[in-house]
Amino acid sequence: MRYYVGVTKNYRTTFRAAKTPTEKTHGHLFIYVIGPFASKLAAELMAIHGEGNPHMQHVSECNTLARKGREWLRKRGFGV
């Protein structure tokens, strides 16, 4: 199962899905979905820090940052 970020009017949340989310399967829950992400950490980065962040405009950028590790991110001010 892959990780995704579901976006509503008021919040972003991470979730896992066995199949690619579609409007039919997840449209009643979210306005749109971002992903898939390679890890839960990458999805959390997008959910928490991605909005308006020029360094996280694409899934691959979050995956790259997540590979550096949670401790590396904390030292640089990312609260994950």
Protein backbone atom coordinates (compact mmCIF):
# COMPACT_ATOMS: atom_id res chain seq x y z
CA MET A 1 0.00 0.00 0.00
CA ARG A 2 1.22 3.48 -0.87
CA TYR A 3 0.98 6.73 1.11
CA TYR A 4 -1.02 9.73 -0.06
CA VAL A 5 -2.02 13.16 1.25
CA GLY A 6 -5.70 14.01 1.11
CA VAL A 7 -6.58 17.71 1.01
CA THR A 8 -9.85 19.29 2.17
CA LYS A 9 -10.78 22.93 2.59
CA ASN A 10 -9.39 23.03 6.14
CA TYR A 11 -6.68 20.40 6.49
CA ARG A 12 -4.28 17.87 4.94
CA THR A 13 -4.07 14.31 6.17
CA THR A 14 -1.96 11.28 5.27
CA PHE A 15 -3.54 7.96 4.43
CA ARG A 16 -2.68 4.64 2.82
CA ALA A 17 -4.44 3.10 -0.14
CA ALA A 18 -3.98 -0.22 -1.90
CA LYS A 19 -5.16 1.24 -5.21
CA THR A 20 -4.73 4.68 -6.71
CA PRO A 21 -7.35 7.00 -5.20
CA THR A 22 -9.97 8.21 -7.66
CA GLU A 23 -12.84 10.66 -7.45
CA LYS A 24 -15.18 7.70 -7.07
CA THR A 25 -13.27 6.12 -4.17
CA HIS A 26 -12.06 9.21 -2.29
CA GLY A 27 -13.94 12.17 -3.80
CA HIS A 28 -16.41 12.28 -0.91
CA LEU A 29 -13.49 12.66 1.53
CA PHE A 30 -11.07 15.02 -0.20
CA ILE A 31 -11.00 17.89 -2.69
CA TYR A 32 -7.83 16.42 -4.18
CA VAL A 33 -5.12 13.87 -3.39
CA ILE A 34 -1.33 14.20 -3.66
CA GLY A 35 0.91 11.18 -4.14
CA PRO A 36 1.87 8.42 -4.09
CA PHE A 37 4.78 8.89 -1.69
CA ALA A 38 7.56 6.39 -1.07
CA SER A 39 7.23 6.60 2.72
CA LYS A 40 4.98 7.82 5.50
CA LEU A 41 7.59 10.45 6.42
CA ALA A 42 7.53 11.89 2.89
CA ALA A 43 3.72 12.12 3.00
CA GLU A 44 3.87 13.77 6.45
CA LEU A 45 6.35 16.33 5.14
CA MET A 46 3.96 17.29 2.35
CA ALA A 47 0.97 17.38 4.69
CA ILE A 48 2.67 19.52 7.34
CA HIS A 49 5.18 21.67 5.42
CA GLY A 50 4.25 21.40 1.74
CA GLU A 51 1.68 24.15 1.36
CA GLY A 52 3.39 27.20 -0.15
CA ASN A 53 6.85 25.69 0.26
CA PRO A 54 8.98 26.12 -2.87
CA HIS A 55 11.21 23.21 -1.79
CA MET A 56 8.30 20.74 -1.75
CA GLN A 57 6.41 21.32 -4.96
CA HIS A 58 6.57 17.71 -6.12
CA VAL A 59 6.28 14.27 -4.57
CA SER A 60 9.87 13.47 -5.55
CA GLU A 61 11.20 16.43 -3.54
CA CYS A 62 9.49 15.17 -0.38
CA ASN A 63 10.76 11.65 -1.03
CA THR A 64 14.31 12.99 -1.37
CA LEU A 65 14.08 14.95 1.89
CA ALA A 66 12.54 11.98 3.72
CA ARG A 67 15.44 9.74 2.68
CA LYS A 68 17.77 12.04 4.65
CA GLY A 69 16.02 10.91 7.82
CA ARG A 70 13.83 12.25 10.59
CA GLU A 71 16.78 13.41 12.74
CA TRP A 72 18.33 15.34 9.84
CA LEU A 73 14.99 17.08 9.27
CA ARG A 74 14.52 17.98 12.96
CA LYS A 75 17.94 19.62 13.08
CA ARG A 76 16.84 21.87 10.22
CA GLY A 77 13.56 22.96 11.79
CA PHE A 78 11.09 20.49 10.31
CA GLY A 79 8.68 19.41 13.02
CA VAL A 80 8.11 15.77 12.01
